[in-house]
């Protein structure tokens, strides 16, 4: 459980607290109005040239079959989803559980209940959609789980991130590098939120296709499942059109996983993610350096022309 430190009240943190207050107030606006605001804000994100370039490169690499106009439309949808993430995270952190429930439909809860009956731990396999926190908050209304966690450099944001996530799911937060604790919790029959779709470098990865691109992919999913004697239960969320809310889907556990073949297991995770991303490609967080690490001899992909 997170504890408040008086050092967070220092004057240097006052702008962060003021920003958090504005964020809270924005989150209380009607949901459809928040969508309108995100539409208005999204063009401003083009000023972040670095992130815009990453998103454009990623989309070009992953969707070469689309026309230039179609890829531009997908980039615009990505910018909107990135802007909407500001509001969706606020909803996840600052809405009441009752109000949040009205925004979602959910299916597949029986897979969580079956794991609980078996007393078996589970890796709740997620991925970095822009509404990641919102889906995780809704999931927390149906099961208690622990979350993998990366500290934020802003201490006020870090405190809010930990406390608000603990509010919608009162498990423990596990530092991303504390593998021993994660394995221990899985062996105790706990469920642990886990998203391996980040480039963590060649040392922790295998090069496995992701949308046809050789991608440094975290290969530890099968190891964690084996060491923790745990199931792998994926879940995904999708924003519906016209302000109709969200679908949260808890998928069946992977069968025959781990298979004993680390490459095939890692490929299977990537293929699952591809299928789910294709259902709402504009809602995935493309503005990340997903392909930063390259196979030996290949040039960097994000080098910008001066």
C-alpha atoms as a PDB file:
ATOM      1  CA  UNK A   1       0.000   0.000   0.000  1.00  0.00           C
ATOM      2  CA  UNK A   2       1.322   3.450  -0.933  1.00  0.00           C
ATOM      3  CA  UNK A   3       1.967   6.002   1.798  1.00  0.00           C
ATOM      4  CA  UNK A   4       1.834   9.762   1.441  1.00  0.00           C
ATOM      5  CA  UNK A   5       5.123  11.569   1.998  1.00  0.00           C
ATOM      6  CA  UNK A   6       5.129  15.122   3.327  1.00  0.00           C
ATOM      7  CA  UNK A   7       7.888  15.890   0.817  1.00  0.00           C
ATOM      8  CA  UNK A   8       5.181  15.853  -1.859  1.00  0.00           C
ATOM      9  CA  UNK A   9       3.846  19.091  -0.387  1.00  0.00           C
ATOM     10  CA  UNK A  10       7.055  20.987  -1.193  1.00  0.00           C
ATOM     11  CA  UNK A  11       6.497  24.120  -3.336  1.00  0.00           C
ATOM     12  CA  UNK A  12       8.297  22.586  -6.295  1.00  0.00           C
ATOM     13  CA  UNK A  13       5.440  20.033  -6.524  1.00  0.00           C
ATOM     14  CA  UNK A  14       2.590  22.586  -6.409  1.00  0.00           C
ATOM     15  CA  UNK A  15       2.318  22.861 -10.222  1.00  0.00           C
ATOM     16  CA  UNK A  16       1.930  19.073 -10.410  1.00  0.00           C
ATOM     17  CA  UNK A  17      -0.832  19.130  -7.786  1.00  0.00           C
ATOM     18  CA  UNK A  18      -2.587  21.956  -9.645  1.00  0.00           C
ATOM     19  CA  UNK A  19      -2.391  19.899 -12.830  1.00  0.00           C
ATOM     20  CA  UNK A  20      -3.823  16.899 -10.995  1.00  0.00           C
ATOM     21  CA  UNK A  21      -6.708  19.040  -9.760  1.00  0.00           C
ATOM     22  CA  UNK A  22      -7.523  20.217 -13.283  1.00  0.00           C
ATOM     23  CA  UNK A  23      -7.269  16.615 -14.486  1.00  0.00           C
ATOM     24  CA  UNK A  24      -9.748  15.534 -11.799  1.00  0.00           C
ATOM     25  CA  UNK A  25     -12.222  18.233 -12.843  1.00  0.00           C
ATOM     26  CA  UNK A  26     -11.923  17.316 -16.524  1.00  0.00           C
ATOM     27  CA  UNK A  27     -12.623  13.688 -15.633  1.00  0.00           C
ATOM     28  CA  UNK A  28     -15.975  14.692 -14.100  1.00  0.00           C
ATOM     29  CA  UNK A  29     -17.282  16.077 -17.393  1.00  0.00           C
ATOM     30  CA  UNK A  30     -19.851  14.018 -19.337  1.00  0.00           C
ATOM     31  CA  UNK A  31     -18.145  11.235 -21.268  1.00  0.00           C
ATOM     32  CA  UNK A  32     -19.323  12.399 -24.697  1.00  0.00           C
ATOM     33  CA  UNK A  33     -18.039  15.907 -24.003  1.00  0.00           C
ATOM     34  CA  UNK A  34     -14.644  14.456 -23.137  1.00  0.00           C
ATOM     35  CA  UNK A  35     -14.612  12.805 -26.567  1.00  0.00           C
ATOM     36  CA  UNK A  36     -15.263  16.193 -28.185  1.00  0.00           C
ATOM     37  CA  UNK A  37     -12.393  17.736 -26.221  1.00  0.00           C
ATOM     38  CA  UNK A  38     -10.061  14.919 -27.280  1.00  0.00           C
ATOM     39  CA  UNK A  39     -10.972  15.595 -30.932  1.00  0.00           C
ATOM     40  CA  UNK A  40     -10.068  19.234 -30.441  1.00  0.00           C
ATOM     41  CA  UNK A  41      -6.797  18.462 -28.666  1.00  0.00           C
ATOM     42  CA  UNK A  42      -5.519  15.704 -30.951  1.00  0.00           C
ATOM     43  CA  UNK A  43      -4.080  17.996 -33.708  1.00  0.00           C
ATOM     44  CA  UNK A  44      -1.912  19.658 -31.060  1.00  0.00           C
ATOM     45  CA  UNK A  45      -0.092  16.354 -30.515  1.00  0.00           C
ATOM     46  CA  UNK A  46       1.572  16.800 -33.902  1.00  0.00           C
ATOM     47  CA  UNK A  47       3.855  19.307 -32.192  1.00  0.00           C
ATOM     48  CA  UNK A  48       5.610  16.387 -30.493  1.00  0.00           C
ATOM     49  CA  UNK A  49       7.664  15.586 -33.572  1.00  0.00           C
ATOM     50  CA  UNK A  50       9.510  12.683 -31.966  1.00  0.00           C
ATOM     51  CA  UNK A  51       6.366  10.775 -30.994  1.00  0.00           C
ATOM     52  CA  UNK A  52       4.627  11.669 -34.237  1.00  0.00           C
ATOM     53  CA  UNK A  53       7.578  10.300 -36.218  1.00  0.00           C
ATOM     54  CA  UNK A  54       7.555   7.052 -34.195  1.00  0.00           C
ATOM     55  CA  UNK A  55       3.839   6.541 -34.780  1.00  0.00           C
ATOM     56  CA  UNK A  56       4.189   7.237 -38.496  1.00  0.00           C
ATOM     57  CA  UNK A  57       7.133   4.847 -38.902  1.00  0.00           C
ATOM     58  CA  UNK A  58       5.344   2.111 -36.946  1.00  0.00           C
ATOM     59  CA  UNK A  59       2.161   2.424 -38.983  1.00  0.00           C
ATOM     60  CA  UNK A  60       4.082   2.432 -42.269  1.00  0.00           C
ATOM     61  CA  UNK A  61       5.962  -0.702 -41.218  1.00  0.00           C
ATOM     62  CA  UNK A  62       2.952  -2.622 -39.925  1.00  0.00           C
ATOM     63  CA  UNK A  63       0.411  -1.653 -42.598  1.00  0.00           C
ATOM     64  CA  UNK A  64       2.345  -1.498 -45.894  1.00  0.00           C
ATOM     65  CA  UNK A  65      -0.713  -2.812 -47.733  1.00  0.00           C
ATOM     66  CA  UNK A  66      -2.685   0.344 -46.921  1.00  0.00           C
ATOM     67  CA  UNK A  67      -2.629   3.335 -49.214  1.00  0.00           C
ATOM     68  CA  UNK A  68      -0.923   6.528 -48.101  1.00  0.00           C
ATOM     69  CA  UNK A  69      -4.334   8.104 -47.439  1.00  0.00           C
ATOM     70  CA  UNK A  70      -5.424   5.094 -45.344  1.00  0.00           C
ATOM     71  CA  UNK A  71      -2.237   5.200 -43.286  1.00  0.00           C
ATOM     72  CA  UNK A  72      -2.729   8.927 -42.699  1.00  0.00           C
ATOM     73  CA  UNK A  73      -6.271   8.238 -41.509  1.00  0.00           C
ATOM     74  CA  UNK A  74      -4.928   5.600 -39.127  1.00  0.00           C
ATOM     75  CA  UNK A  75      -2.328   8.066 -37.842  1.00  0.00           C
ATOM     76  CA  UNK A  76      -5.079  10.621 -37.197  1.00  0.00           C
ATOM     77  CA  UNK A  77      -7.081   7.987 -35.303  1.00  0.00           C
ATOM     78  CA  UNK A  78      -3.974   7.210 -33.272  1.00  0.00           C
ATOM     79  CA  UNK A  79      -3.539  10.872 -32.375  1.00  0.00           C
ATOM     80  CA  UNK A  80      -7.162  11.044 -31.249  1.00  0.00           C
ATOM     81  CA  UNK A  81      -6.747   7.905 -29.122  1.00  0.00           C
ATOM     82  CA  UNK A  82      -3.582   9.329 -27.586  1.00  0.00           C
ATOM     83  CA  UNK A  83      -5.451  12.535 -26.693  1.00  0.00           C
ATOM     84  CA  UNK A  84      -8.394  10.486 -25.430  1.00  0.00           C
ATOM     85  CA  UNK A  85      -6.007   8.571 -23.158  1.00  0.00           C
ATOM     86  CA  UNK A  86      -5.708  11.704 -21.009  1.00  0.00           C
ATOM     87  CA  UNK A  87      -9.441  11.576 -20.336  1.00  0.00           C
ATOM     88  CA  UNK A  88      -9.700   7.787 -20.166  1.00  0.00           C
ATOM     89  CA  UNK A  89      -6.972   7.589 -17.535  1.00  0.00           C
ATOM     90  CA  UNK A  90      -8.800  10.303 -15.590  1.00  0.00           C
ATOM     91  CA  UNK A  91     -12.007   8.269 -15.804  1.00  0.00           C
ATOM     92  CA  UNK A  92     -10.188   5.178 -14.546  1.00  0.00           C
ATOM     93  CA  UNK A  93      -8.621   7.041 -11.633  1.00  0.00           C
ATOM     94  CA  UNK A  94     -11.354   9.476 -10.594  1.00  0.00           C
ATOM     95  CA  UNK A  95     -14.757   8.012 -11.448  1.00  0.00           C
ATOM     96  CA  UNK A  96     -16.769   6.007  -8.946  1.00  0.00           C
ATOM     97  CA  UNK A  97     -17.060   2.291  -9.593  1.00  0.00           C
ATOM     98  CA  UNK A  98     -20.800   2.631 -10.126  1.00  0.00           C
ATOM     99  CA  UNK A  99     -20.369   5.296 -12.781  1.00  0.00           C
ATOM    100  CA  UNK A 100     -17.606   3.322 -14.468  1.00  0.00           C
ATOM    101  CA  UNK A 101     -19.787   0.203 -14.712  1.00  0.00           C
ATOM    102  CA  UNK A 102     -22.290   2.096 -16.864  1.00  0.00           C
ATOM    103  CA  UNK A 103     -19.583   2.643 -19.454  1.00  0.00           C
ATOM    104  CA  UNK A 104     -18.688  -1.021 -20.018  1.00  0.00           C
ATOM    105  CA  UNK A 105     -19.970  -4.347 -21.166  1.00  0.00           C
ATOM    106  CA  UNK A 106     -17.890  -7.365 -20.164  1.00  0.00           C
ATOM    107  CA  UNK A 107     -17.645 -10.976 -21.293  1.00  0.00           C
ATOM    108  CA  UNK A 108     -15.528 -13.959 -20.307  1.00  0.00           C
ATOM    109  CA  UNK A 109     -15.691 -13.533 -16.523  1.00  0.00           C
ATOM    110  CA  UNK A 110     -16.101 -17.308 -16.273  1.00  0.00           C
ATOM    111  CA  UNK A 111     -12.423 -17.749 -17.179  1.00  0.00           C
ATOM    112  CA  UNK A 112     -11.395 -15.771 -14.095  1.00  0.00           C
ATOM    113  CA  UNK A 113     -13.835 -17.691 -11.915  1.00  0.00           C
ATOM    114  CA  UNK A 114     -12.485 -21.027 -13.178  1.00  0.00           C
ATOM    115  CA  UNK A 115      -8.917 -20.000 -12.313  1.00  0.00           C
ATOM    116  CA  UNK A 116     -10.049 -18.985  -8.825  1.00  0.00           C
ATOM    117  CA  UNK A 117     -11.802 -22.318  -8.275  1.00  0.00           C
ATOM    118  CA  UNK A 118      -8.641 -24.140  -9.307  1.00  0.00           C
ATOM    119  CA  UNK A 119      -6.578 -22.015  -6.912  1.00  0.00           C
ATOM    120  CA  UNK A 120      -4.152 -21.397  -9.750  1.00  0.00           C
ATOM    121  CA  UNK A 121      -2.360 -18.138 -10.378  1.00  0.00           C
ATOM    122  CA  UNK A 122      -2.751 -16.356 -13.693  1.00  0.00           C
ATOM    123  CA  UNK A 123      -0.852 -13.875 -15.807  1.00  0.00           C
ATOM    124  CA  UNK A 124      -3.481 -11.407 -17.011  1.00  0.00           C
ATOM    125  CA  UNK A 125      -1.971 -10.723 -20.404  1.00  0.00           C
ATOM    126  CA  UNK A 126      -2.636  -7.185 -21.603  1.00  0.00           C
ATOM    127  CA  UNK A 127      -1.147  -4.831 -24.158  1.00  0.00           C
ATOM    128  CA  UNK A 128      -0.593  -1.108 -24.537  1.00  0.00           C
ATOM    129  CA  UNK A 129      -3.829   0.189 -25.914  1.00  0.00           C
ATOM    130  CA  UNK A 130      -4.214   3.872 -25.109  1.00  0.00           C
ATOM    131  CA  UNK A 131      -7.096   3.058 -22.717  1.00  0.00           C
ATOM    132  CA  UNK A 132      -4.989   0.574 -20.760  1.00  0.00           C
ATOM    133  CA  UNK A 133      -5.815   2.047 -17.331  1.00  0.00           C
ATOM    134  CA  UNK A 134      -9.511   2.153 -18.085  1.00  0.00           C
ATOM    135  CA  UNK A 135      -9.679  -1.527 -19.017  1.00  0.00           C
ATOM    136  CA  UNK A 136      -7.627  -2.441 -15.965  1.00  0.00           C
ATOM    137  CA  UNK A 137      -9.977  -0.439 -13.716  1.00  0.00           C
ATOM    138  CA  UNK A 138     -13.003  -2.294 -15.069  1.00  0.00           C
ATOM    139  CA  UNK A 139     -11.236  -5.618 -14.706  1.00  0.00           C
ATOM    140  CA  UNK A 140     -10.613  -4.738 -11.061  1.00  0.00           C
ATOM    141  CA  UNK A 141     -14.379  -4.757 -10.468  1.00  0.00           C
ATOM    142  CA  UNK A 142     -14.479  -8.435 -11.348  1.00  0.00           C
ATOM    143  CA  UNK A 143     -11.310  -9.823  -9.819  1.00  0.00           C
ATOM    144  CA  UNK A 144      -8.594  -8.824  -7.386  1.00  0.00           C
ATOM    145  CA  UNK A 145      -5.148  -8.789  -8.955  1.00  0.00           C
ATOM    146  CA  UNK A 146      -1.626  -7.447  -8.581  1.00  0.00           C
ATOM    147  CA  UNK A 147      -0.054  -5.142 -11.149  1.00  0.00           C
ATOM    148  CA  UNK A 148       3.392  -4.834 -12.667  1.00  0.00           C
ATOM    149  CA  UNK A 149       4.556  -1.280 -12.187  1.00  0.00           C
ATOM    150  CA  UNK A 150       7.168   1.122 -13.577  1.00  0.00           C
ATOM    151  CA  UNK A 151       7.927   4.141 -11.344  1.00  0.00           C
ATOM    152  CA  UNK A 152       7.395   7.580 -12.856  1.00  0.00           C
ATOM    153  CA  UNK A 153      10.046  10.286 -12.581  1.00  0.00           C
ATOM    154  CA  UNK A 154       7.473  12.861 -11.400  1.00  0.00           C
ATOM    155  CA  UNK A 155       6.857  11.932  -7.720  1.00  0.00           C
ATOM    156  CA  UNK A 156       3.346  13.442  -7.631  1.00  0.00           C
ATOM    157  CA  UNK A 157       2.292  11.537 -10.744  1.00  0.00           C
ATOM    158  CA  UNK A 158       3.985   8.425  -9.350  1.00  0.00           C
ATOM    159  CA  UNK A 159       2.020   8.720  -6.099  1.00  0.00           C
ATOM    160  CA  UNK A 160      -1.269   9.257  -7.948  1.00  0.00           C
ATOM    161  CA  UNK A 161      -0.566   6.382 -10.310  1.00  0.00           C
ATOM    162  CA  UNK A 162       0.053   3.926  -7.491  1.00  0.00           C
ATOM    163  CA  UNK A 163      -2.771   5.060  -5.188  1.00  0.00           C
ATOM    164  CA  UNK A 164      -5.436   5.305  -7.880  1.00  0.00           C
ATOM    165  CA  UNK A 165      -4.544   1.917  -9.330  1.00  0.00           C
ATOM    166  CA  UNK A 166      -4.647   0.418  -5.849  1.00  0.00           C
ATOM    167  CA  UNK A 167      -8.072   2.031  -5.402  1.00  0.00           C
ATOM    168  CA  UNK A 168      -9.615   0.248  -8.376  1.00  0.00           C
ATOM    169  CA  UNK A 169      -7.800  -2.976  -7.628  1.00  0.00           C
ATOM    170  CA  UNK A 170      -6.557  -3.399  -4.054  1.00  0.00           C
ATOM    171  CA  UNK A 171      -3.736  -5.809  -4.807  1.00  0.00           C
ATOM    172  CA  UNK A 172      -0.076  -4.922  -4.582  1.00  0.00           C
ATOM    173  CA  UNK A 173       2.063  -3.069  -7.086  1.00  0.00           C
ATOM    174  CA  UNK A 174       5.070  -5.096  -8.198  1.00  0.00           C
ATOM    175  CA  UNK A 175       8.114  -3.214  -9.530  1.00  0.00           C
ATOM    176  CA  UNK A 176       8.787  -4.291 -13.094  1.00  0.00           C
ATOM    177  CA  UNK A 177      12.237  -5.654 -12.217  1.00  0.00           C
ATOM    178  CA  UNK A 178      11.081  -7.653  -9.163  1.00  0.00           C
ATOM    179  CA  UNK A 179      10.556 -10.983 -10.906  1.00  0.00           C
ATOM    180  CA  UNK A 180      10.970 -12.960  -7.686  1.00  0.00           C
ATOM    181  CA  UNK A 181       7.981 -11.221  -6.088  1.00  0.00           C
ATOM    182  CA  UNK A 182       5.842 -11.740  -9.176  1.00  0.00           C
ATOM    183  CA  UNK A 183       6.622 -15.463  -9.265  1.00  0.00           C
ATOM    184  CA  UNK A 184       5.891 -15.740  -5.554  1.00  0.00           C
ATOM    185  CA  UNK A 185       2.497 -14.096  -5.988  1.00  0.00           C
ATOM    186  CA  UNK A 186       1.607 -16.366  -8.894  1.00  0.00           C
ATOM    187  CA  UNK A 187       2.493 -19.441  -6.840  1.00  0.00           C
ATOM    188  CA  UNK A 188       0.199 -18.151  -4.101  1.00  0.00           C
ATOM    189  CA  UNK A 189      -2.659 -18.321  -6.589  1.00  0.00           C
ATOM    190  CA  UNK A 190      -2.696 -14.595  -7.321  1.00  0.00           C
ATOM    191  CA  UNK A 191      -3.500 -12.966 -10.644  1.00  0.00           C
ATOM    192  CA  UNK A 192      -0.899 -10.545 -11.987  1.00  0.00           C
ATOM    193  CA  UNK A 193      -1.461  -7.896 -14.678  1.00  0.00           C
ATOM    194  CA  UNK A 194       1.277  -8.172 -17.305  1.00  0.00           C
ATOM    195  CA  UNK A 195       1.917  -6.420 -20.650  1.00  0.00           C
ATOM    196  CA  UNK A 196       5.006  -7.629 -22.574  1.00  0.00           C
ATOM    197  CA  UNK A 197       4.601  -5.480 -25.711  1.00  0.00           C
ATOM    198  CA  UNK A 198       7.525  -3.139 -25.053  1.00  0.00           C
ATOM    199  CA  UNK A 199      11.024  -3.120 -26.504  1.00  0.00           C
ATOM    200  CA  UNK A 200      13.277  -3.895 -23.524  1.00  0.00           C
ATOM    201  CA  UNK A 201      16.390  -4.579 -25.587  1.00  0.00           C
ATOM    202  CA  UNK A 202      17.964  -7.638 -27.152  1.00  0.00           C
ATOM    203  CA  UNK A 203      19.184  -9.147 -23.870  1.00  0.00           C
ATOM    204  CA  UNK A 204      15.636  -9.826 -22.633  1.00  0.00           C
ATOM    205  CA  UNK A 205      14.087 -10.588 -26.005  1.00  0.00           C
ATOM    206  CA  UNK A 206      13.839 -12.817 -29.021  1.00  0.00           C
ATOM    207  CA  UNK A 207      13.417 -11.452 -32.519  1.00  0.00           C
ATOM    208  CA  UNK A 208       9.932 -12.585 -33.483  1.00  0.00           C
ATOM    209  CA  UNK A 209       7.623 -11.259 -36.223  1.00  0.00           C
ATOM    210  CA  UNK A 210       5.099  -8.633 -35.195  1.00  0.00           C
ATOM    211  CA  UNK A 211       3.005  -7.437 -38.136  1.00  0.00           C
ATOM    212  CA  UNK A 212       5.679  -8.923 -40.372  1.00  0.00           C
ATOM    213  CA  UNK A 213       8.527  -6.972 -38.769  1.00  0.00           C
ATOM    214  CA  UNK A 214      11.307  -8.755 -36.882  1.00  0.00           C
ATOM    215  CA  UNK A 215      10.721  -7.340 -33.406  1.00  0.00           C
ATOM    216  CA  UNK A 216      12.652  -7.599 -30.156  1.00  0.00           C
ATOM    217  CA  UNK A 217       9.924  -9.288 -28.111  1.00  0.00           C
ATOM    218  CA  UNK A 218      10.007 -10.036 -24.393  1.00  0.00           C
ATOM    219  CA  UNK A 219      10.375 -13.809 -24.246  1.00  0.00           C
ATOM    220  CA  UNK A 220       9.697 -14.271 -20.537  1.00  0.00           C
ATOM    221  CA  UNK A 221       5.933 -14.889 -20.736  1.00  0.00           C
ATOM    222  CA  UNK A 222       6.299 -18.654 -20.971  1.00  0.00           C
ATOM    223  CA  UNK A 223       9.036 -18.647 -18.300  1.00  0.00           C
ATOM    224  CA  UNK A 224       6.853 -16.708 -15.876  1.00  0.00           C
ATOM    225  CA  UNK A 225       3.919 -19.043 -16.503  1.00  0.00           C
ATOM    226  CA  UNK A 226       6.118 -22.092 -15.919  1.00  0.00           C
ATOM    227  CA  UNK A 227       7.922 -20.763 -12.855  1.00  0.00           C
ATOM    228  CA  UNK A 228       4.707 -19.415 -11.332  1.00  0.00           C
ATOM    229  CA  UNK A 229       2.702 -22.540 -12.223  1.00  0.00           C
ATOM    230  CA  UNK A 230       0.186 -20.116 -13.691  1.00  0.00           C
ATOM    231  CA  UNK A 231      -2.283 -19.865 -16.511  1.00  0.00           C
ATOM    232  CA  UNK A 232      -2.070 -17.105 -19.111  1.00  0.00           C
ATOM    233  CA  UNK A 233      -5.455 -15.364 -19.410  1.00  0.00           C
ATOM    234  CA  UNK A 234      -5.489 -12.483 -21.930  1.00  0.00           C
ATOM    235  CA  UNK A 235      -7.897  -9.580 -21.684  1.00  0.00           C
ATOM    236  CA  UNK A 236      -8.560  -6.686 -24.036  1.00  0.00           C
ATOM    237  CA  UNK A 237     -10.731  -3.604 -24.126  1.00  0.00           C
ATOM    238  CA  UNK A 238     -12.052  -1.665 -27.102  1.00  0.00           C
ATOM    239  CA  UNK A 239     -13.598   1.793 -27.384  1.00  0.00           C
ATOM    240  CA  UNK A 240     -16.914   1.652 -29.224  1.00  0.00           C
ATOM    241  CA  UNK A 241     -18.006   4.157 -31.826  1.00  0.00           C
ATOM    242  CA  UNK A 242     -20.274   7.138 -31.189  1.00  0.00           C
ATOM    243  CA  UNK A 243     -19.581   7.388 -27.473  1.00  0.00           C
ATOM    244  CA  UNK A 244     -21.227   4.056 -26.678  1.00  0.00           C
ATOM    245  CA  UNK A 245     -18.565   3.059 -24.146  1.00  0.00           C
ATOM    246  CA  UNK A 246     -16.277   0.050 -24.126  1.00  0.00           C
ATOM    247  CA  UNK A 247     -16.211  -3.715 -24.493  1.00  0.00           C
ATOM    248  CA  UNK A 248     -13.989  -5.625 -22.089  1.00  0.00           C
ATOM    249  CA  UNK A 249     -13.245  -9.191 -23.167  1.00  0.00           C
ATOM    250  CA  UNK A 250     -11.565 -11.773 -20.968  1.00  0.00           C
ATOM    251  CA  UNK A 251     -10.291 -14.415 -23.357  1.00  0.00           C
ATOM    252  CA  UNK A 252      -9.925 -18.147 -22.672  1.00  0.00           C
ATOM    253  CA  UNK A 253      -6.588 -19.180 -21.152  1.00  0.00           C
ATOM    254  CA  UNK A 254      -3.892 -20.193 -23.601  1.00  0.00           C
ATOM    255  CA  UNK A 255      -3.940 -23.956 -23.881  1.00  0.00           C
ATOM    256  CA  UNK A 256      -0.715 -25.978 -23.986  1.00  0.00           C
ATOM    257  CA  UNK A 257       1.223 -22.994 -22.688  1.00  0.00           C
ATOM    258  CA  UNK A 258       4.105 -22.983 -22.107  1.00  0.00           C
ATOM    259  CA  UNK A 259       4.764 -25.481 -24.863  1.00  0.00           C
ATOM    260  CA  UNK A 260       8.461 -25.993 -24.157  1.00  0.00           C
ATOM    261  CA  UNK A 261       9.422 -23.996 -27.237  1.00  0.00           C
ATOM    262  CA  UNK A 262      10.254 -20.449 -26.160  1.00  0.00           C
ATOM    263  CA  UNK A 263      10.257 -19.040 -29.690  1.00  0.00           C
ATOM    264  CA  UNK A 264       6.856 -20.522 -30.558  1.00  0.00           C
ATOM    265  CA  UNK A 265       5.378 -19.313 -27.270  1.00  0.00           C
ATOM    266  CA  UNK A 266       6.648 -15.777 -27.892  1.00  0.00           C
ATOM    267  CA  UNK A 267       5.339 -15.876 -31.448  1.00  0.00           C
ATOM    268  CA  UNK A 268       1.967 -17.009 -30.150  1.00  0.00           C
ATOM    269  CA  UNK A 269       1.760 -13.995 -27.839  1.00  0.00           C
ATOM    270  CA  UNK A 270       2.602 -11.649 -30.727  1.00  0.00           C
ATOM    271  CA  UNK A 271       0.064 -13.294 -33.016  1.00  0.00           C
ATOM    272  CA  UNK A 272      -2.642 -12.926 -30.377  1.00  0.00           C
ATOM    273  CA  UNK A 273      -1.789  -9.249 -30.013  1.00  0.00           C
ATOM    274  CA  UNK A 274      -1.867  -8.718 -33.764  1.00  0.00           C
ATOM    275  CA  UNK A 275      -5.366 -10.198 -34.025  1.00  0.00           C
ATOM    276  CA  UNK A 276      -6.674  -7.992 -31.233  1.00  0.00           C
ATOM    277  CA  UNK A 277      -4.985  -4.818 -32.471  1.00  0.00           C
ATOM    278  CA  UNK A 278      -6.499  -5.330 -35.928  1.00  0.00           C
ATOM    279  CA  UNK A 279      -9.967  -5.065 -34.356  1.00  0.00           C
ATOM    280  CA  UNK A 280      -9.240  -1.431 -33.409  1.00  0.00           C
ATOM    281  CA  UNK A 281      -5.820  -0.447 -34.820  1.00  0.00           C
ATOM    282  CA  UNK A 282      -6.247   3.251 -34.120  1.00  0.00           C
ATOM    283  CA  UNK A 283      -6.540   2.540 -30.387  1.00  0.00           C
ATOM    284  CA  UNK A 284      -3.111   0.958 -30.017  1.00  0.00           C
ATOM    285  CA  UNK A 285      -0.242   3.072 -28.676  1.00  0.00           C
ATOM    286  CA  UNK A 286       1.802   3.329 -31.863  1.00  0.00           C
ATOM    287  CA  UNK A 287       3.780   6.329 -30.581  1.00  0.00           C
ATOM    288  CA  UNK A 288       6.281   4.102 -28.771  1.00  0.00           C
ATOM    289  CA  UNK A 289       9.673   2.877 -30.070  1.00  0.00           C
ATOM    290  CA  UNK A 290       8.345  -0.642 -30.605  1.00  0.00           C
ATOM    291  CA  UNK A 291      11.059  -1.472 -33.158  1.00  0.00           C
ATOM    292  CA  UNK A 292      13.971   0.400 -31.604  1.00  0.00           C
ATOM    293  CA  UNK A 293      16.177  -2.689 -31.149  1.00  0.00           C
ATOM    294  CA  UNK A 294      17.129  -4.158 -34.503  1.00  0.00           C
ATOM    295  CA  UNK A 295      18.708  -7.464 -35.508  1.00  0.00           C
ATOM    296  CA  UNK A 296      22.459  -7.251 -35.937  1.00  0.00           C
ATOM    297  CA  UNK A 297      23.384  -5.435 -39.120  1.00  0.00           C
ATOM    298  CA  UNK A 298      20.031  -3.703 -39.609  1.00  0.00           C
ATOM    299  CA  UNK A 299      19.940   0.128 -39.502  1.00  0.00           C
ATOM    300  CA  UNK A 300      17.877   2.091 -36.945  1.00  0.00           C
ATOM    301  CA  UNK A 301      14.280   2.682 -37.984  1.00  0.00           C
ATOM    302  CA  UNK A 302      13.560   5.928 -36.164  1.00  0.00           C
ATOM    303  CA  UNK A 303      16.426   8.028 -37.458  1.00  0.00           C
ATOM    304  CA  UNK A 304      14.977  11.303 -38.682  1.00  0.00           C
ATOM    305  CA  UNK A 305      16.308  13.335 -41.552  1.00  0.00           C
ATOM    306  CA  UNK A 306      17.691  16.695 -40.506  1.00  0.00           C
END
